[in-house]
Amino acid sequence: MTKQDSVIVAGGGIGGLAAALALVRRGFSVEVLEQAAEIGEIGAGIQLGPNAFHAFDALGVGEAARRRSVFTDEMVMHDALDESLVARVPTGEAFRQRFGNPYAVIHRADVHLSLLEGAQATGCVRFLTSTRVERVEQDAGGVTVYDQHGKAHRGVALIAADGVRSVVRQQLVGDPPRVSGHVVYRAVVDRKDFPEDLQWNAASIWVGPNYHLVHYPLRGGEQYNVVVTFHSRNTEEWGVTEGSREEVASYYTDTCPRARRLIDLPKSWKRWATADREPIGQWSFGRITLLGDAAHPMLQYLAQGACMALEDAVTLGEALRSAGDDIATAFDLYQRSRVVRTARVVLAAREMGRIYHAKGVERLVRNDLWTGRRPEQFYDAMAWLYGWNVTNCLSST
């Protein structure tokens, strides 16, 4: 093997582009196979913890990502029934000092663009669009990926960053998704249409019985991200469809008027019926490994899906460095470094969803536990999540 042999990356999303950057920084050339007709990203806003910025810096795109981010002053939680303040977590200087980087919100497309520009600038990443992975084979010398046209793509290794519906994971693991029954509606609203008294520079959440609402600024405050999540009364099938305001409104009848205004703002909604998977202990198979949602799809309650994919990519690069670029050894080290951490995030996200959506006496207990908690107490509780960086990313092995 020489460094001129290409590594194939299945998927041109955030995880795939981050993996490509990590590989190029180790001296490999990369071929990205993307099933869409264009390399791009859809969706709305996402939140970025300090761990994401550590990853951006390690991948060489920290400046671009920061330029497109909105740095929040705080994370704030209100009770959606009585409008009371449950928790306030400042994310200013003390937060940055503790974790070495800020907390921010950003449009998903702007994260993707920052990574894409970085990958294109290297001159070592080749993109093949309208190319869907159908099956994979490997031998002692490399991996062959077959697309929907029967064309074979050959590389020394394969990074499967092909998302929550990963074809590669289906072939190698074959486990079913776990449909949560939780439905998420997402929309972006222009600032001029967003209530002035809610234009906070904060990642804001209103928590209610079996539902919550989220809002925060995007793109310099010119837009606002609006997300509503509820436990569906119907049997859900995993997927994305067009939504309806009428459905959303039917779940928020007991919401305080101030928060309920949020559901009247969007002109169109996208509806996600969400799912994750049970954590698995193996996602590296010789010269093939999984990354991002293909490895550990998770619910959104910790706002860590993209952050974990970025961490994966950096850790993969560090594992290659540690293993002297021996593929199988590096993939095993990468897996051992990530399995427990990502499983904890998957499971913690499920639990956080339960806490957000508490009702009855459990709601009162949640509010009592968090009301008045000092920032340092919140920081201590977050340290396991936000304390990740490139220097400790292999330390769990």
Protein backbone atom coordinates (compact mmCIF):
# COMPACT_ATOMS: atom_id res chain seq x y z
CA MET A 1 0.00 0.00 0.00
CA THR A 2 1.09 3.55 -0.70
CA LYS A 3 -0.45 6.79 0.41
CA GLN A 4 -1.44 7.38 -3.21
CA ASP A 5 -3.99 4.60 -2.98
CA SER A 6 -7.42 6.11 -2.40
CA VAL A 7 -9.60 5.54 0.61
CA ILE A 8 -13.28 5.44 -0.32
CA VAL A 9 -15.73 7.40 1.78
CA ALA A 10 -19.39 6.47 1.34
CA GLY A 11 -21.46 9.58 1.96
CA GLY A 12 -20.82 13.27 1.34
CA GLY A 13 -22.54 14.65 4.43
CA ILE A 14 -20.92 16.20 7.49
CA GLY A 15 -19.38 12.93 8.68
CA GLY A 16 -18.12 11.94 5.25
CA LEU A 17 -16.48 15.29 4.55
CA ALA A 18 -14.91 15.37 7.99
CA ALA A 19 -13.53 11.88 7.42
CA ALA A 20 -12.15 12.95 4.05
CA LEU A 21 -10.34 15.87 5.66
CA ALA A 22 -8.89 13.65 8.38
CA LEU A 23 -7.65 11.16 5.79
CA VAL A 24 -6.07 13.82 3.60
CA ARG A 25 -4.26 15.20 6.64
CA ARG A 26 -2.73 11.73 7.00
CA GLY A 27 -1.56 11.86 3.38
CA PHE A 28 -4.24 9.73 1.73
CA SER A 29 -6.20 10.63 -1.36
CA VAL A 30 -9.95 10.19 -0.99
CA GLU A 31 -12.87 9.31 -3.24
CA VAL A 32 -16.26 10.37 -1.86
CA LEU A 33 -19.30 8.55 -3.19
CA GLU A 34 -22.51 10.55 -2.73
CA GLN A 35 -25.93 9.27 -3.76
CA ALA A 36 -27.43 12.75 -4.25
CA ALA A 37 -27.00 14.62 -7.52
CA GLU A 38 -25.04 17.37 -5.76
CA ILE A 39 -22.77 17.60 -2.75
CA GLY A 40 -24.88 19.60 -0.32
CA GLU A 41 -26.81 19.56 2.91
CA ILE A 42 -30.43 20.08 3.78
CA GLY A 43 -32.08 20.67 7.13
CA ALA A 44 -32.11 23.61 9.48
CA GLY A 45 -30.08 24.68 12.48
CA ILE A 46 -27.87 22.57 14.71
CA GLN A 47 -26.05 23.26 17.95
CA LEU A 48 -22.31 22.95 18.37
CA GLY A 49 -20.68 22.17 21.68
CA PRO A 50 -17.03 22.99 22.44
CA ASN A 51 -16.11 19.47 21.34
CA ALA A 52 -17.24 20.32 17.81
CA PHE A 53 -14.90 23.31 17.65
CA HIS A 54 -12.00 21.20 18.91
CA ALA A 55 -12.76 18.88 16.00
CA PHE A 56 -13.06 21.71 13.46
CA ASP A 57 -9.65 23.00 14.54
CA ALA A 58 -8.09 19.56 14.25
CA LEU A 59 -9.50 19.28 10.71
CA GLY A 60 -8.23 22.71 9.69
CA VAL A 61 -11.63 24.40 9.22
CA GLY A 62 -12.08 26.07 12.60
CA GLU A 63 -11.90 29.61 11.26
CA ALA A 64 -14.51 28.96 8.56
CA ALA A 65 -16.89 27.31 11.01
CA ARG A 66 -16.54 30.11 13.53
CA ARG A 67 -17.20 32.73 10.88
CA ARG A 68 -20.59 31.14 10.11
CA SER A 69 -21.62 30.45 13.71
CA VAL A 70 -23.68 32.44 16.18
CA PHE A 71 -22.04 32.28 19.62
CA THR A 72 -24.73 32.10 22.26
CA ASP A 73 -24.70 33.85 25.62
CA GLU A 74 -26.52 31.02 27.35
CA MET A 75 -28.60 27.89 27.19
CA VAL A 76 -31.97 28.49 28.79
CA MET A 77 -34.88 26.21 29.71
CA HIS A 78 -38.42 27.30 30.51
CA ASP A 79 -41.41 25.26 31.60
CA ALA A 80 -43.84 25.38 28.69
CA LEU A 81 -46.90 25.17 30.93
CA ASP A 82 -46.34 28.03 33.37
CA GLU A 83 -43.45 29.92 31.66
CA SER A 84 -41.22 29.55 34.72
CA LEU A 85 -37.43 29.52 34.31
CA VAL A 86 -36.10 26.02 35.00
CA ALA A 87 -32.41 26.38 34.12
CA ARG A 88 -29.95 28.91 32.78
CA VAL A 89 -26.46 27.89 31.72
CA PRO A 90 -24.19 30.81 30.79
CA THR A 91 -21.97 30.01 27.81
CA GLY A 92 -19.75 33.07 27.98
CA GLU A 93 -16.19 33.47 29.19
CA ALA A 94 -16.40 31.08 32.15
CA PHE A 95 -17.80 28.36 29.90
CA ARG A 96 -15.06 28.93 27.31
CA GLN A 97 -12.39 28.86 29.97
CA ARG A 98 -13.72 25.57 31.32
CA PHE A 99 -14.01 23.77 27.98
CA GLY A 100 -11.53 25.61 25.78
CA ASN A 101 -14.09 26.57 23.15
CA PRO A 102 -17.49 28.25 22.82
CA TYR A 103 -21.05 27.02 22.44
CA ALA A 104 -22.66 28.02 19.17
CA VAL A 105 -25.61 27.55 16.85
CA ILE A 106 -25.33 27.32 13.08
CA HIS A 107 -27.21 26.26 9.99
CA ARG A 108 -26.42 22.67 9.09
CA ALA A 109 -25.63 23.75 5.53
CA ASP A 110 -22.98 26.15 6.85
CA VAL A 111 -21.22 23.35 8.74
CA HIS A 112 -21.26 21.30 5.57
CA LEU A 113 -19.98 24.20 3.46
CA SER A 114 -17.06 24.82 5.82
CA LEU A 115 -16.00 21.17 5.54
CA LEU A 116 -16.60 21.07 1.79
CA GLU A 117 -14.44 24.12 1.16
CA GLY A 118 -11.71 22.57 3.26
CA ALA A 119 -11.88 19.30 1.36
CA GLN A 120 -11.90 20.98 -2.04
CA ALA A 121 -8.94 23.16 -1.11
CA THR A 122 -6.77 20.11 -0.50
CA GLY A 123 -6.98 18.96 -4.12
CA CYS A 124 -6.88 15.39 -2.82
CA VAL A 125 -10.61 14.65 -2.57
CA ARG A 126 -12.55 13.44 -5.61
CA PHE A 127 -16.34 13.57 -5.53
CA LEU A 128 -18.63 11.21 -7.41
CA THR A 129 -22.29 12.24 -7.18
CA SER A 130 -25.42 10.27 -8.11
CA THR A 131 -23.51 7.24 -6.86
CA ARG A 132 -25.33 5.02 -4.40
CA VAL A 133 -23.52 2.22 -2.63
CA GLU A 134 -25.26 -1.13 -3.18
CA ARG A 135 -22.80 -3.62 -1.69
CA VAL A 136 -19.20 -3.97 -0.61
CA GLU A 137 -16.52 -6.66 -0.75
CA GLN A 138 -13.06 -6.75 0.75
CA ASP A 139 -9.92 -8.82 0.42
CA ALA A 140 -6.41 -8.66 1.79
CA GLY A 141 -5.49 -5.75 -0.47
CA GLY A 142 -8.48 -3.48 -0.26
CA VAL A 143 -12.21 -2.90 -0.61
CA THR A 144 -14.46 -2.91 -3.66
CA VAL A 145 -17.66 -0.89 -3.58
CA TYR A 146 -20.38 -1.55 -6.14
CA ASP A 147 -22.82 1.22 -7.01
CA GLN A 148 -26.36 1.11 -8.37
CA HIS A 149 -25.05 0.86 -11.94
CA GLY A 150 -22.88 -2.13 -11.13
CA LYS A 151 -19.72 -0.07 -11.40
CA ALA A 152 -16.88 -1.10 -9.10
CA HIS A 153 -14.93 1.44 -7.03
CA ARG A 154 -11.67 0.19 -5.53
CA GLY A 155 -9.81 1.57 -2.53
CA VAL A 156 -7.47 0.48 0.21
CA ALA A 157 -10.22 1.03 2.76
CA LEU A 158 -13.83 2.15 3.11
CA ILE A 159 -15.24 4.65 5.59
CA ALA A 160 -19.00 4.15 5.64
CA ALA A 161 -20.45 7.55 6.50
CA ASP A 162 -23.68 6.77 4.69
CA GLY A 163 -26.03 7.94 7.39
CA VAL A 164 -28.88 6.59 9.45
CA ARG A 165 -29.97 4.30 6.62
CA SER A 166 -26.47 3.01 6.02
CA VAL A 167 -26.30 0.34 3.31
CA VAL A 168 -22.90 -0.75 4.59
CA ARG A 169 -24.16 -1.21 8.15
CA GLN A 170 -27.13 -3.16 6.83
CA GLN A 171 -24.79 -5.53 4.99
CA LEU A 172 -22.30 -5.95 7.84
CA VAL A 173 -24.51 -5.70 10.94
CA GLY A 174 -28.11 -5.98 9.74
CA ASP A 175 -29.70 -4.58 12.90
CA PRO A 176 -33.09 -2.85 12.80
CA PRO A 177 -33.74 0.81 13.63
CA ARG A 178 -35.49 1.65 16.89
CA VAL A 179 -38.39 3.93 15.97
CA SER A 180 -38.85 6.31 18.91
CA GLY A 181 -42.42 7.43 18.31
CA HIS A 182 -41.17 10.99 18.69
CA VAL A 183 -41.86 13.39 15.82
CA VAL A 184 -39.73 16.45 15.10
CA TYR A 185 -40.81 19.43 13.02
CA ARG A 186 -38.10 21.85 11.90
CA ALA A 187 -38.33 25.23 10.18
CA VAL A 188 -36.32 28.43 9.68
CA VAL A 189 -38.04 31.81 10.16
CA ASP A 190 -36.77 35.23 9.08
CA ARG A 191 -35.97 37.64 11.89
CA LYS A 192 -38.63 40.12 10.79
CA ASP A 193 -41.28 37.46 11.35
CA PHE A 194 -39.93 36.26 14.71
CA PRO A 195 -41.31 37.71 18.00
CA GLU A 196 -39.03 40.43 19.31
CA ASP A 197 -39.46 39.33 22.90
CA LEU A 198 -38.07 35.87 22.01
CA GLN A 199 -35.08 37.09 20.00
CA TRP A 200 -32.64 35.88 22.61
CA ASN A 201 -29.02 35.09 21.87
CA ALA A 202 -29.51 31.69 23.43
CA ALA A 203 -30.20 28.07 22.69
CA SER A 204 -33.70 28.12 24.16
CA ILE A 205 -35.99 25.23 25.05
CA TRP A 206 -39.55 25.15 26.40
CA VAL A 207 -40.27 21.79 28.01
CA GLY A 208 -43.73 20.33 28.43
CA PRO A 209 -45.54 17.03 29.00
CA ASN A 210 -44.59 14.74 26.08
CA TYR A 211 -43.28 17.66 24.00
CA HIS A 212 -40.86 20.55 23.79
CA LEU A 213 -40.06 23.57 21.59
CA VAL A 214 -36.63 24.97 20.69
CA HIS A 215 -35.55 28.26 19.13
CA TYR A 216 -32.25 30.02 18.52
CA PRO A 217 -30.72 32.52 16.07
CA LEU A 218 -28.94 31.63 12.83
CA ARG A 219 -26.77 33.48 10.33
CA GLY A 220 -25.94 36.53 12.37
CA GLY A 221 -29.44 36.67 13.82
CA GLU A 222 -31.07 37.22 10.45
CA GLN A 223 -32.98 33.96 10.84
CA TYR A 224 -34.29 31.84 13.69
CA ASN A 225 -34.42 28.09 13.92
CA VAL A 226 -37.68 26.67 15.27
CA VAL A 227 -38.00 23.02 16.30
CA VAL A 228 -40.98 21.31 17.91
CA THR A 229 -40.93 17.74 19.15
CA PHE A 230 -43.77 15.62 20.48
CA HIS A 231 -44.72 12.04 21.25
CA SER A 232 -46.93 10.96 18.37
CA ARG A 233 -50.32 9.49 19.15
CA ASN A 234 -49.96 7.39 15.99
CA THR A 235 -47.74 4.46 15.08
CA GLU A 236 -44.83 6.06 13.27
CA GLU A 237 -42.64 4.86 10.44
CA TRP A 238 -39.10 6.19 10.30
CA GLY A 239 -38.75 8.91 7.66
CA VAL A 240 -39.18 12.51 6.53
CA THR A 241 -42.41 13.91 5.09
CA GLU A 242 -44.16 17.22 4.63
CA GLY A 243 -45.81 18.38 7.81
CA SER A 244 -48.94 20.31 8.71
CA ARG A 245 -49.45 23.14 11.14
CA GLU A 246 -52.73 21.54 12.21
CA GLU A 247 -50.97 18.43 13.45
CA VAL A 248 -48.42 20.47 15.40
CA ALA A 249 -51.10 22.65 16.99
CA SER A 250 -53.01 19.61 18.20
CA TYR A 251 -50.15 18.61 20.51
CA TYR A 252 -49.65 22.02 22.14
CA THR A 253 -53.09 22.88 23.48
CA ASP A 254 -51.84 23.36 27.07
CA THR A 255 -48.74 25.39 26.15
CA CYS A 256 -48.36 28.89 27.56
CA PRO A 257 -49.26 31.59 24.99
CA ARG A 258 -45.72 32.97 24.77
CA ALA A 259 -44.22 29.68 23.65
CA ARG A 260 -47.22 28.58 21.61
CA ARG A 261 -46.68 31.50 19.22
CA LEU A 262 -43.70 29.60 17.85
CA ILE A 263 -45.90 27.09 16.04
CA ASP A 264 -47.70 29.86 14.15
CA LEU A 265 -44.49 31.23 12.59
CA PRO A 266 -43.26 28.78 9.92
CA LYS A 267 -44.71 28.92 6.43
CA SER A 268 -43.71 25.32 5.79
CA TRP A 269 -42.62 22.43 7.98
CA LYS A 270 -40.53 19.33 7.47
CA ARG A 271 -41.63 16.38 9.59
CA TRP A 272 -39.14 13.81 10.90
CA ALA A 273 -40.34 10.59 12.52
CA THR A 274 -37.20 9.84 14.50
CA ALA A 275 -35.26 6.68 15.23
CA ASP A 276 -31.97 5.56 16.66
CA ARG A 277 -30.36 2.12 17.01
CA GLU A 278 -29.14 0.10 19.91
CA PRO A 279 -25.40 0.69 20.46
CA ILE A 280 -23.14 -1.98 18.99
CA GLY A 281 -19.70 -3.07 20.11
CA GLN A 282 -18.22 -3.62 16.66
CA TRP A 283 -18.32 -1.30 13.70
CA SER A 284 -14.87 -1.97 12.22
CA PHE A 285 -14.55 -4.99 9.93
CA GLY A 286 -11.04 -5.34 8.57
CA ARG A 287 -10.60 -2.51 6.10
CA ILE A 288 -14.16 -1.21 6.51
CA THR A 289 -15.39 0.97 9.34
CA LEU A 290 -18.54 2.94 10.12
CA LEU A 291 -18.63 6.62 11.05
CA GLY A 292 -21.24 9.11 12.26
CA ASP A 293 -24.90 8.15 12.02
CA ALA A 294 -23.96 4.91 10.29
CA ALA A 295 -22.13 3.86 13.46
CA HIS A 296 -24.28 5.39 16.20
CA PRO A 297 -27.53 7.06 15.09
CA MET A 298 -29.01 8.98 18.02
CA LEU A 299 -32.00 11.05 18.99
CA GLN A 300 -31.54 14.80 19.02
CA TYR A 301 -31.98 15.52 22.73
CA LEU A 302 -28.31 16.23 23.45
CA ALA A 303 -27.74 18.09 20.15
CA GLN A 304 -24.70 15.91 19.51
CA GLY A 305 -25.29 14.02 16.26
CA ALA A 306 -23.06 16.21 14.08
CA CYS A 307 -20.61 16.73 16.95
CA MET A 308 -20.11 12.98 17.33
CA ALA A 309 -19.49 12.56 13.59
CA LEU A 310 -16.83 15.28 13.75
CA GLU A 311 -15.24 13.60 16.76
CA ASP A 312 -15.26 10.28 14.91
CA ALA A 313 -13.37 11.75 11.98
CA VAL A 314 -10.68 13.33 14.15
CA THR A 315 -10.30 10.16 16.20
CA LEU A 316 -9.99 8.11 13.01
CA GLY A 317 -7.16 10.35 11.85
CA GLU A 318 -5.41 10.10 15.21
CA ALA A 319 -5.81 6.32 15.20
CA LEU A 320 -4.14 6.17 11.78
CA ARG A 321 -1.30 8.31 13.07
CA SER A 322 -0.90 6.14 16.16
CA ALA A 323 -0.97 2.93 14.10
CA GLY A 324 1.54 4.15 11.53
CA ASP A 325 -1.27 4.17 8.94
CA ASP A 326 -1.83 0.43 9.22
CA ILE A 327 -5.51 0.29 8.24
CA ALA A 328 -6.78 -2.69 10.22
CA THR A 329 -4.91 -1.71 13.38
CA ALA A 330 -6.07 1.89 13.11
CA PHE A 331 -9.70 0.93 12.51
CA ASP A 332 -9.66 -1.30 15.57
CA LEU A 333 -8.12 1.47 17.69
CA TYR A 334 -10.66 3.99 16.36
CA GLN A 335 -13.52 1.66 17.24
CA ARG A 336 -12.22 0.97 20.75
CA SER A 337 -11.82 4.70 21.31
CA ARG A 338 -15.37 5.52 20.24
CA VAL A 339 -17.76 2.69 21.13
CA VAL A 340 -18.30 3.47 24.81
CA ARG A 341 -18.39 7.24 24.42
CA THR A 342 -20.88 7.23 21.55
CA ALA A 343 -23.03 4.57 23.24
CA ARG A 344 -23.19 6.80 26.31
CA VAL A 345 -24.37 9.69 24.14
CA VAL A 346 -27.02 7.52 22.45
CA LEU A 347 -28.37 6.34 25.79
CA ALA A 348 -28.07 9.75 27.47
CA ALA A 349 -29.98 11.36 24.61
CA ARG A 350 -32.86 8.94 25.17
CA GLU A 351 -32.88 9.76 28.88
CA MET A 352 -32.72 13.51 28.25
CA GLY A 353 -35.78 13.19 26.04
CA ARG A 354 -37.62 11.60 28.96
CA ILE A 355 -36.51 14.41 31.29
CA TYR A 356 -37.51 17.15 28.85
CA HIS A 357 -40.94 15.58 28.38
CA ALA A 358 -41.65 14.87 32.04
CA LYS A 359 -45.22 15.26 33.22
CA GLY A 360 -47.10 15.19 36.49
CA VAL A 361 -44.98 14.95 39.62
CA GLU A 362 -41.89 14.01 37.61
CA ARG A 363 -42.09 17.43 35.92
CA LEU A 364 -42.11 19.09 39.34
CA VAL A 365 -39.13 17.02 40.48
CA ARG A 366 -37.16 18.00 37.34
CA ASN A 367 -37.90 21.68 37.88
CA ASP A 368 -36.98 21.46 41.55
CA LEU A 369 -33.68 19.72 40.78
CA TRP A 370 -32.54 22.25 38.18
CA THR A 371 -33.98 25.55 39.35
CA GLY A 372 -31.27 27.60 41.01
CA ARG A 373 -28.42 25.26 40.09
CA ARG A 374 -25.15 27.17 39.78
CA PRO A 375 -23.38 27.37 36.39
CA GLU A 376 -20.41 25.44 37.79
CA GLN A 377 -22.72 22.56 38.68
CA PHE A 378 -24.00 22.42 35.13
CA TYR A 379 -20.43 22.60 33.81
CA ASP A 380 -19.40 19.69 36.01
CA ALA A 381 -22.33 17.65 34.69
CA MET A 382 -21.35 18.46 31.10
CA ALA A 383 -17.63 17.80 31.48
CA TRP A 384 -17.79 14.22 30.20
CA LEU A 385 -19.42 15.45 26.99
CA TYR A 386 -17.74 18.77 26.27
CA GLY A 387 -14.29 17.87 27.59
CA TRP A 388 -13.32 15.87 24.49
CA ASN A 389 -10.43 17.12 22.37
CA VAL A 390 -7.78 15.86 19.99
CA THR A 391 -5.26 15.19 22.74
CA ASN A 392 -7.53 12.85 24.71
CA CYS A 393 -9.54 11.27 21.88
CA LEU A 394 -7.65 7.95 22.08
CA SER A 395 -7.48 7.85 25.88
CA SER A 396 -10.49 5.55 26.36
CA THR A 397 -8.58 2.59 24.93
